[in-house]
Amino acid sequence: MATDTTSSRLDRIEEKIDKLSDAMILMARAEEKLIALESKHAAQYERMNRFSEKLDAIEKVVNDNAHTVNTINKLFWIAIAAASAAIAANIWM
């Protein structure tokens, strides 16, 4: 009778150890997933930083181009005004 009680008790302890072992494995897997997610997050953060730097460079080029186009636009209208003035001067003089 004592051996039956001891045997059943050991069986319960073994089952509990198996459950604890399964729980530890699940925790380790969850931790691995968290580590993988964190590394992916860090990689995406770096990628976003590179895109941000590229966007800043593109913004600078666009601003430079806008300044150049404005200057060309002003020169064009000055040339049109000068040509109009020359034509008007030729017609009335």
PDB file of N, CA and C in Angstrom:
ATOM      1  N   MET A   1       0.807  -1.179   0.000  1.00  0.00           N
ATOM      2  CA  MET A   1       0.000   0.000   0.000  1.00  0.00           C
ATOM      3  C   MET A   1       0.862   1.259   0.000  1.00  0.00           C
ATOM      4  N   ALA A   2       1.926   1.234   0.750  1.00  0.00           N
ATOM      5  CA  ALA A   2       2.825   2.382   0.810  1.00  0.00           C
ATOM      6  C   ALA A   2       3.510   2.578  -0.529  1.00  0.00           C
ATOM      7  N   THR A   3       3.793   1.472  -1.206  1.00  0.00           N
ATOM      8  CA  THR A   3       4.427   1.599  -2.514  1.00  0.00           C
ATOM      9  C   THR A   3       3.460   2.161  -3.545  1.00  0.00           C
ATOM     10  N   ASP A   4       2.165   1.808  -3.415  1.00  0.00           N
ATOM     11  CA  ASP A   4       1.167   2.371  -4.331  1.00  0.00           C
ATOM     12  C   ASP A   4       1.050   3.879  -4.136  1.00  0.00           C
ATOM     13  N   THR A   5       1.028   4.287  -2.885  1.00  0.00           N
ATOM     14  CA  THR A   5       0.931   5.716  -2.577  1.00  0.00           C
ATOM     15  C   THR A   5       2.181   6.436  -3.060  1.00  0.00           C
ATOM     16  N   THR A   6       3.340   5.847  -2.805  1.00  0.00           N
ATOM     17  CA  THR A   6       4.596   6.449  -3.236  1.00  0.00           C
ATOM     18  C   THR A   6       4.672   6.487  -4.750  1.00  0.00           C
ATOM     19  N   SER A   7       4.239   5.402  -5.378  1.00  0.00           N
ATOM     20  CA  SER A   7       4.268   5.333  -6.830  1.00  0.00           C
ATOM     21  C   SER A   7       3.338   6.378  -7.447  1.00  0.00           C
ATOM     22  N   SER A   8       2.129   6.498  -6.941  1.00  0.00           N
ATOM     23  CA  SER A   8       1.190   7.488  -7.481  1.00  0.00           C
ATOM     24  C   SER A   8       1.681   8.913  -7.202  1.00  0.00           C
ATOM     25  N   ARG A   9       2.293   9.076  -6.055  1.00  0.00           N
ATOM     26  CA  ARG A   9       2.841  10.394  -5.707  1.00  0.00           C
ATOM     27  C   ARG A   9       3.976  10.750  -6.665  1.00  0.00           C
ATOM     28  N   LEU A  10       4.856   9.777  -6.934  1.00  0.00           N
ATOM     29  CA  LEU A  10       5.950  10.021  -7.872  1.00  0.00           C
ATOM     30  C   LEU A  10       5.417  10.285  -9.283  1.00  0.00           C
ATOM     31  N   ASP A  11       4.345   9.583  -9.653  1.00  0.00           N
ATOM     32  CA  ASP A  11       3.732   9.827 -10.962  1.00  0.00           C
ATOM     33  C   ASP A  11       3.201  11.253 -11.065  1.00  0.00           C
ATOM     34  N   ARG A  12       2.557  11.734  -9.991  1.00  0.00           N
ATOM     35  CA  ARG A  12       2.048  13.108  -9.990  1.00  0.00           C
ATOM     36  C   ARG A  12       3.188  14.115 -10.060  1.00  0.00           C
ATOM     37  N   ILE A  13       4.259  13.832  -9.333  1.00  0.00           N
ATOM     38  CA  ILE A  13       5.429  14.720  -9.367  1.00  0.00           C
ATOM     39  C   ILE A  13       6.028  14.738 -10.772  1.00  0.00           C
ATOM     40  N   GLU A  14       6.093  13.571 -11.391  1.00  0.00           N
ATOM     41  CA  GLU A  14       6.634  13.476 -12.744  1.00  0.00           C
ATOM     42  C   GLU A  14       5.760  14.250 -13.734  1.00  0.00           C
ATOM     43  N   GLU A  15       4.440  14.156 -13.584  1.00  0.00           N
ATOM     44  CA  GLU A  15       3.530  14.907 -14.444  1.00  0.00           C
ATOM     45  C   GLU A  15       3.721  16.414 -14.253  1.00  0.00           C
ATOM     46  N   LYS A  16       3.888  16.820 -13.020  1.00  0.00           N
ATOM     47  CA  LYS A  16       4.098  18.241 -12.752  1.00  0.00           C
ATOM     48  C   LYS A  16       5.416  18.722 -13.345  1.00  0.00           C
ATOM     49  N   ILE A  17       6.441  17.882 -13.238  1.00  0.00           N
ATOM     50  CA  ILE A  17       7.738  18.234 -13.830  1.00  0.00           C
ATOM     51  C   ILE A  17       7.610  18.325 -15.348  1.00  0.00           C
ATOM     52  N   ASP A  18       6.851  17.399 -15.958  1.00  0.00           N
ATOM     53  CA  ASP A  18       6.627  17.458 -17.403  1.00  0.00           C
ATOM     54  C   ASP A  18       5.896  18.745 -17.790  1.00  0.00           C
ATOM     55  N   LYS A  19       4.876  19.116 -17.004  1.00  0.00           N
ATOM     56  CA  LYS A  19       4.146  20.355 -17.285  1.00  0.00           C
ATOM     57  C   LYS A  19       5.064  21.571 -17.137  1.00  0.00           C
ATOM     58  N   LEU A  20       5.903  21.552 -16.093  1.00  0.00           N
ATOM     59  CA  LEU A  20       6.852  22.647 -15.914  1.00  0.00           C
ATOM     60  C   LEU A  20       7.837  22.710 -17.077  1.00  0.00           C
ATOM     61  N   SER A  21       8.279  21.557 -17.520  1.00  0.00           N
ATOM     62  CA  SER A  21       9.190  21.502 -18.659  1.00  0.00           C
ATOM     63  C   SER A  21       8.526  22.073 -19.910  1.00  0.00           C
ATOM     64  N   ASP A  22       7.269  21.699 -20.152  1.00  0.00           N
ATOM     65  CA  ASP A  22       6.530  22.242 -21.298  1.00  0.00           C
ATOM     66  C   ASP A  22       6.371  23.754 -21.175  1.00  0.00           C
ATOM     67  N   ALA A  23       6.072  24.218 -19.973  1.00  0.00           N
ATOM     68  CA  ALA A  23       5.923  25.657 -19.756  1.00  0.00           C
ATOM     69  C   ALA A  23       7.236  26.384 -20.010  1.00  0.00           C
ATOM     70  N   MET A  24       8.343  25.808 -19.593  1.00  0.00           N
ATOM     71  CA  MET A  24       9.660  26.430 -19.825  1.00  0.00           C
ATOM     72  C   MET A  24       9.966  26.494 -21.323  1.00  0.00           C
ATOM     73  N   ILE A  25       9.614  25.436 -22.034  1.00  0.00           N
ATOM     74  CA  ILE A  25       9.836  25.426 -23.491  1.00  0.00           C
ATOM     75  C   ILE A  25       8.996  26.514 -24.157  1.00  0.00           C
ATOM     76  N   LEU A  26       7.736  26.633 -23.753  1.00  0.00           N
ATOM     77  CA  LEU A  26       6.869  27.677 -24.309  1.00  0.00           C
ATOM     78  C   LEU A  26       7.410  29.071 -23.994  1.00  0.00           C
ATOM     79  N   MET A  27       7.917  29.256 -22.808  1.00  0.00           N
ATOM     80  CA  MET A  27       8.486  30.559 -22.438  1.00  0.00           C
ATOM     81  C   MET A  27       9.725  30.861 -23.267  1.00  0.00           C
ATOM     82  N   ALA A  28      10.540  29.849 -23.504  1.00  0.00           N
ATOM     83  CA  ALA A  28      11.743  30.051 -24.311  1.00  0.00           C
ATOM     84  C   ALA A  28      11.365  30.414 -25.744  1.00  0.00           C
ATOM     85  N   ARG A  29      10.355  29.757 -26.280  1.00  0.00           N
ATOM     86  CA  ARG A  29       9.895  30.081 -27.637  1.00  0.00           C
ATOM     87  C   ARG A  29       9.348  31.509 -27.704  1.00  0.00           C
ATOM     88  N   ALA A  30       8.584  31.880 -26.691  1.00  0.00           N
ATOM     89  CA  ALA A  30       8.042  33.241 -26.656  1.00  0.00           C
ATOM     90  C   ALA A  30       9.173  34.265 -26.579  1.00  0.00           C
ATOM     91  N   GLU A  31      10.182  33.949 -25.791  1.00  0.00           N
ATOM     92  CA  GLU A  31      11.320  34.858 -25.677  1.00  0.00           C
ATOM     93  C   GLU A  31      12.059  34.979 -27.016  1.00  0.00           C
ATOM     94  N   GLU A  32      12.215  33.871 -27.721  1.00  0.00           N
ATOM     95  CA  GLU A  32      12.849  33.906 -29.041  1.00  0.00           C
ATOM     96  C   GLU A  32      12.041  34.761 -30.009  1.00  0.00           C
ATOM     97  N   LYS A  33      10.710  34.643 -29.951  1.00  0.00           N
ATOM     98  CA  LYS A  33       9.860  35.455 -30.812  1.00  0.00           C
ATOM     99  C   LYS A  33      10.012  36.932 -30.467  1.00  0.00           C
ATOM    100  N   LEU A  34      10.065  37.251 -29.183  1.00  0.00           N
ATOM    101  CA  LEU A  34      10.235  38.643 -28.779  1.00  0.00           C
ATOM    102  C   LEU A  34      11.574  39.196 -29.254  1.00  0.00           C
ATOM    103  N   ILE A  35      12.610  38.394 -29.163  1.00  0.00           N
ATOM    104  CA  ILE A  35      13.935  38.829 -29.629  1.00  0.00           C
ATOM    105  C   ILE A  35      13.909  39.069 -31.136  1.00  0.00           C
ATOM    106  N   ALA A  36      13.248  38.166 -31.858  1.00  0.00           N
ATOM    107  CA  ALA A  36      13.141  38.330 -33.315  1.00  0.00           C
ATOM    108  C   ALA A  36      12.358  39.590 -33.658  1.00  0.00           C
ATOM    109  N   LEU A  37      11.268  39.838 -32.946  1.00  0.00           N
ATOM    110  CA  LEU A  37      10.477  41.042 -33.194  1.00  0.00           C
ATOM    111  C   LEU A  37      11.286  42.308 -32.894  1.00  0.00           C
ATOM    112  N   GLU A  38      12.048  42.261 -31.838  1.00  0.00           N
ATOM    113  CA  GLU A  38      12.862  43.422 -31.477  1.00  0.00           C
ATOM    114  C   GLU A  38      13.931  43.697 -32.535  1.00  0.00           C
ATOM    115  N   SER A  39      14.550  42.638 -33.044  1.00  0.00           N
ATOM    116  CA  SER A  39      15.566  42.847 -34.079  1.00  0.00           C
ATOM    117  C   SER A  39      14.933  43.367 -35.367  1.00  0.00           C
ATOM    118  N   LYS A  40      13.740  42.878 -35.714  1.00  0.00           N
ATOM    119  CA  LYS A  40      13.040  43.392 -36.887  1.00  0.00           C
ATOM    120  C   LYS A  40      12.668  44.853 -36.691  1.00  0.00           C
ATOM    121  N   HIS A  41      12.238  45.195 -35.487  1.00  0.00           N
ATOM    122  CA  HIS A  41      11.889  46.584 -35.188  1.00  0.00           C
ATOM    123  C   HIS A  41      13.111  47.480 -35.336  1.00  0.00           C
ATOM    124  N   ALA A  42      14.243  47.039 -34.835  1.00  0.00           N
ATOM    125  CA  ALA A  42      15.471  47.830 -34.951  1.00  0.00           C
ATOM    126  C   ALA A  42      15.877  48.004 -36.415  1.00  0.00           C
ATOM    127  N   ALA A  43      15.727  46.946 -37.200  1.00  0.00           N
ATOM    128  CA  ALA A  43      16.077  47.031 -38.622  1.00  0.00           C
ATOM    129  C   ALA A  43      15.147  48.000 -39.344  1.00  0.00           C
ATOM    130  N   GLN A  44      13.871  47.962 -39.045  1.00  0.00           N
ATOM    131  CA  GLN A  44      12.927  48.873 -39.684  1.00  0.00           C
ATOM    132  C   GLN A  44      13.177  50.311 -39.243  1.00  0.00           C
ATOM    133  N   TYR A  45      13.559  50.504 -37.994  1.00  0.00           N
ATOM    134  CA  TYR A  45      13.881  51.846 -37.504  1.00  0.00           C
ATOM    135  C   TYR A  45      15.080  52.401 -38.267  1.00  0.00           C
ATOM    136  N   GLU A  46      16.092  51.576 -38.468  1.00  0.00           N
ATOM    137  CA  GLU A  46      17.266  51.997 -39.248  1.00  0.00           C
ATOM    138  C   GLU A  46      16.874  52.327 -40.681  1.00  0.00           C
ATOM    139  N   ARG A  47      16.025  51.499 -41.255  1.00  0.00           N
ATOM    140  CA  ARG A  47      15.581  51.721 -42.634  1.00  0.00           C
ATOM    141  C   ARG A  47      14.813  53.042 -42.741  1.00  0.00           C
ATOM    142  N   MET A  48      13.949  53.313 -41.762  1.00  0.00           N
ATOM    143  CA  MET A  48      13.211  54.569 -41.768  1.00  0.00           C
ATOM    144  C   MET A  48      14.156  55.758 -41.629  1.00  0.00           C
ATOM    145  N   ASN A  49      15.206  55.603 -40.837  1.00  0.00           N
ATOM    146  CA  ASN A  49      16.179  56.685 -40.703  1.00  0.00           C
ATOM    147  C   ASN A  49      16.880  56.945 -42.032  1.00  0.00           C
ATOM    148  N   ARG A  50      17.243  55.883 -42.752  1.00  0.00           N
ATOM    149  CA  ARG A  50      17.880  56.060 -44.065  1.00  0.00           C
ATOM    150  C   ARG A  50      16.929  56.750 -45.041  1.00  0.00           C
ATOM    151  N   PHE A  51      15.641  56.341 -45.029  1.00  0.00           N
ATOM    152  CA  PHE A  51      14.653  56.994 -45.889  1.00  0.00           C
ATOM    153  C   PHE A  51      14.500  58.467 -45.520  1.00  0.00           C
ATOM    154  N   SER A  52      14.533  58.749 -44.242  1.00  0.00           N
ATOM    155  CA  SER A  52      14.419  60.133 -43.792  1.00  0.00           C
ATOM    156  C   SER A  52      15.599  60.965 -44.289  1.00  0.00           C
ATOM    157  N   GLU A  53      16.797  60.399 -44.234  1.00  0.00           N
ATOM    158  CA  GLU A  53      17.974  61.108 -44.740  1.00  0.00           C
ATOM    159  C   GLU A  53      17.862  61.339 -46.248  1.00  0.00           C
ATOM    160  N   LYS A  54      17.402  60.310 -46.972  1.00  0.00           N
ATOM    161  CA  LYS A  54      17.220  60.469 -48.417  1.00  0.00           C
ATOM    162  C   LYS A  54      16.177  61.537 -48.715  1.00  0.00           C
ATOM    163  N   LEU A  55      15.101  61.531 -47.951  1.00  0.00           N
ATOM    164  CA  LEU A  55      14.045  62.514 -48.142  1.00  0.00           C
ATOM    165  C   LEU A  55      14.567  63.927 -47.876  1.00  0.00           C
ATOM    166  N   ASP A  56      15.403  64.084 -46.870  1.00  0.00           N
ATOM    167  CA  ASP A  56      16.005  65.395 -46.601  1.00  0.00           C
ATOM    168  C   ASP A  56      16.874  65.843 -47.763  1.00  0.00           C
ATOM    169  N   ALA A  57      17.635  64.923 -48.336  1.00  0.00           N
ATOM    170  CA  ALA A  57      18.488  65.258 -49.483  1.00  0.00           C
ATOM    171  C   ALA A  57      17.631  65.640 -50.689  1.00  0.00           C
ATOM    172  N   ILE A  58      16.559  64.898 -50.926  1.00  0.00           N
ATOM    173  CA  ILE A  58      15.665  65.204 -52.049  1.00  0.00           C
ATOM    174  C   ILE A  58      15.005  66.566 -51.835  1.00  0.00           C
ATOM    175  N   GLU A  59      14.615  66.854 -50.607  1.00  0.00           N
ATOM    176  CA  GLU A  59      14.004  68.144 -50.298  1.00  0.00           C
ATOM    177  C   GLU A  59      14.964  69.294 -50.611  1.00  0.00           C
ATOM    178  N   LYS A  60      16.232  69.107 -50.284  1.00  0.00           N
ATOM    179  CA  LYS A  60      17.231  70.144 -50.569  1.00  0.00           C
ATOM    180  C   LYS A  60      17.371  70.350 -52.075  1.00  0.00           C
ATOM    181  N   VAL A  61      17.418  69.259 -52.834  1.00  0.00           N
ATOM    182  CA  VAL A  61      17.528  69.365 -54.297  1.00  0.00           C
ATOM    183  C   VAL A  61      16.286  70.058 -54.868  1.00  0.00           C
ATOM    184  N   VAL A  62      15.118  69.709 -54.376  1.00  0.00           N
ATOM    185  CA  VAL A  62      13.879  70.325 -54.861  1.00  0.00           C
ATOM    186  C   VAL A  62      13.882  71.821 -54.561  1.00  0.00           C
ATOM    187  N   ASN A  63      14.319  72.197 -53.370  1.00  0.00           N
ATOM    188  CA  ASN A  63      14.385  73.623 -53.029  1.00  0.00           C
ATOM    189  C   ASN A  63      15.367  74.358 -53.936  1.00  0.00           C
ATOM    190  N   ASP A  64      16.523  73.737 -54.200  1.00  0.00           N
ATOM    191  CA  ASP A  64      17.503  74.347 -55.108  1.00  0.00           C
ATOM    192  C   ASP A  64      16.917  74.490 -56.515  1.00  0.00           C
ATOM    193  N   ASN A  65      16.227  73.454 -56.975  1.00  0.00           N
ATOM    194  CA  ASN A  65      15.611  73.503 -58.309  1.00  0.00           C
ATOM    195  C   ASN A  65      14.514  74.567 -58.373  1.00  0.00           C
ATOM    196  N   ALA A  66      13.740  74.691 -57.313  1.00  0.00           N
ATOM    197  CA  ALA A  66      12.679  75.695 -57.280  1.00  0.00           C
ATOM    198  C   ALA A  66      13.292  77.095 -57.369  1.00  0.00           C
ATOM    199  N   HIS A  67      14.376  77.312 -56.672  1.00  0.00           N
ATOM    200  CA  HIS A  67      15.057  78.616 -56.732  1.00  0.00           C
ATOM    201  C   HIS A  67      15.555  78.885 -58.154  1.00  0.00           C
ATOM    202  N   THR A  68      16.137  77.881 -58.782  1.00  0.00           N
ATOM    203  CA  THR A  68      16.637  78.030 -60.149  1.00  0.00           C
ATOM    204  C   THR A  68      15.491  78.319 -61.122  1.00  0.00           C
ATOM    205  N   VAL A  69      14.389  77.602 -60.995  1.00  0.00           N
ATOM    206  CA  VAL A  69      13.236  77.814 -61.876  1.00  0.00           C
ATOM    207  C   VAL A  69      12.665  79.212 -61.667  1.00  0.00           C
ATOM    208  N   ASN A  70      12.604  79.682 -60.437  1.00  0.00           N
ATOM    209  CA  ASN A  70      12.108  81.037 -60.178  1.00  0.00           C
ATOM    210  C   ASN A  70      13.002  82.081 -60.834  1.00  0.00           C
ATOM    211  N   THR A  71      14.309  81.864 -60.754  1.00  0.00           N
ATOM    212  CA  THR A  71      15.252  82.801 -61.381  1.00  0.00           C
ATOM    213  C   THR A  71      15.080  82.798 -62.899  1.00  0.00           C
ATOM    214  N   ILE A  72      14.977  81.614 -63.488  1.00  0.00           N
ATOM    215  CA  ILE A  72      14.783  81.511 -64.935  1.00  0.00           C
ATOM    216  C   ILE A  72      13.460  82.168 -65.330  1.00  0.00           C
ATOM    217  N   ASN A  73      12.420  81.958 -64.542  1.00  0.00           N
ATOM    218  CA  ASN A  73      11.110  82.557 -64.808  1.00  0.00           C
ATOM    219  C   ASN A  73      11.206  84.085 -64.796  1.00  0.00           C
ATOM    220  N   LYS A  74      11.886  84.636 -63.817  1.00  0.00           N
ATOM    221  CA  LYS A  74      12.051  86.096 -63.742  1.00  0.00           C
ATOM    222  C   LYS A  74      12.843  86.612 -64.941  1.00  0.00           C
ATOM    223  N   LEU A  75      13.924  85.909 -65.298  1.00  0.00           N
ATOM    224  CA  LEU A  75      14.719  86.330 -66.448  1.00  0.00           C
ATOM    225  C   LEU A  75      13.904  86.268 -67.735  1.00  0.00           C
ATOM    226  N   PHE A  76      13.071  85.267 -67.873  1.00  0.00           N
ATOM    227  CA  PHE A  76      12.210  85.142 -69.052  1.00  0.00           C
ATOM    228  C   PHE A  76      11.280  86.340 -69.155  1.00  0.00           C
ATOM    229  N   TRP A  77      10.639  86.703 -68.061  1.00  0.00           N
ATOM    230  CA  TRP A  77       9.711  87.835 -68.106  1.00  0.00           C
ATOM    231  C   TRP A  77      10.446  89.157 -68.323  1.00  0.00           C
ATOM    232  N   ILE A  78      11.646  89.263 -67.788  1.00  0.00           N
ATOM    233  CA  ILE A  78      12.457  90.467 -68.054  1.00  0.00           C
ATOM    234  C   ILE A  78      12.784  90.549 -69.542  1.00  0.00           C
ATOM    235  N   ALA A  79      13.150  89.402 -70.136  1.00  0.00           N
ATOM    236  CA  ALA A  79      13.456  89.381 -71.570  1.00  0.00           C
ATOM    237  C   ALA A  79      12.213  89.725 -72.391  1.00  0.00           C
ATOM    238  N   ILE A  80      11.049  89.193 -72.000  1.00  0.00           N
ATOM    239  CA  ILE A  80       9.801  89.514 -72.699  1.00  0.00           C
ATOM    240  C   ILE A  80       9.502  91.008 -72.579  1.00  0.00           C
ATOM    241  N   ALA A  81       9.674  91.559 -71.388  1.00  0.00           N
ATOM    242  CA  ALA A  81       9.415  92.984 -71.184  1.00  0.00           C
ATOM    243  C   ALA A  81      10.395  93.827 -71.998  1.00  0.00           C
ATOM    244  N   ALA A  82      11.668  93.443 -72.022  1.00  0.00           N
ATOM    245  CA  ALA A  82      12.670  94.192 -72.793  1.00  0.00           C
ATOM    246  C   ALA A  82      12.361  94.114 -74.288  1.00  0.00           C
ATOM    247  N   ALA A  83      11.975  92.921 -74.755  1.00  0.00           N
ATOM    248  CA  ALA A  83      11.629  92.768 -76.172  1.00  0.00           C
ATOM    249  C   ALA A  83      10.396  93.604 -76.506  1.00  0.00           C
ATOM    250  N   SER A  84       9.407  93.609 -75.627  1.00  0.00           N
ATOM    251  CA  SER A  84       8.199  94.412 -75.845  1.00  0.00           C
ATOM    252  C   SER A  84       8.545  95.893 -75.881  1.00  0.00           C
ATOM    253  N   ALA A  85       9.409  96.302 -74.993  1.00  0.00           N
ATOM    254  CA  ALA A  85       9.822  97.715 -74.960  1.00  0.00           C
ATOM    255  C   ALA A  85      10.584  98.081 -76.233  1.00  0.00           C
ATOM    256  N   ALA A  86      11.431  97.193 -76.705  1.00  0.00           N
ATOM    257  CA  ALA A  86      12.193  97.460 -77.935  1.00  0.00           C
ATOM    258  C   ALA A  86      11.267  97.538 -79.132  1.00  0.00           C
ATOM    259  N   ILE A  87      10.278  96.634 -79.201  1.00  0.00           N
ATOM    260  CA  ILE A  87       9.317  96.661 -80.310  1.00  0.00           C
ATOM    261  C   ILE A  87       8.486  97.934 -80.248  1.00  0.00           C
ATOM    262  N   ALA A  88       8.051  98.291 -79.051  1.00  0.00           N
ATOM    263  CA  ALA A  88       7.254  99.520 -78.898  1.00  0.00           C
ATOM    264  C   ALA A  88       8.071 100.738 -79.272  1.00  0.00           C
ATOM    265  N   ALA A  89       9.340 100.749 -78.897  1.00  0.00           N
ATOM    266  CA  ALA A  89      10.200 101.892 -79.228  1.00  0.00           C
ATOM    267  C   ALA A  89      10.403 101.980 -80.736  1.00  0.00           C
ATOM    268  N   ASN A  90      10.560 100.842 -81.400  1.00  0.00           N
ATOM    269  CA  ASN A  90      10.726 100.825 -82.859  1.00  0.00           C
ATOM    270  C   ASN A  90       9.466 101.315 -83.562  1.00  0.00           C
ATOM    271  N   ILE A  91       8.292 100.911 -83.038  1.00  0.00           N
ATOM    272  CA  ILE A  91       7.050 101.287 -83.692  1.00  0.00           C
ATOM    273  C   ILE A  91       6.787 102.791 -83.547  1.00  0.00           C
ATOM    274  N   TRP A  92       7.021 103.356 -82.364  1.00  0.00           N
ATOM    275  CA  TRP A  92       6.687 104.769 -82.128  1.00  0.00           C
ATOM    276  C   TRP A  92       7.815 105.724 -82.439  1.00  0.00           C
ATOM    277  N   MET A  93       8.954 105.248 -82.736  1.00  0.00           N
ATOM    278  CA  MET A  93      10.041 106.179 -83.031  1.00  0.00           C
ATOM    279  C   MET A  93      10.422 106.163 -84.458  1.00  0.00           C
TER     280      MET A  93
END
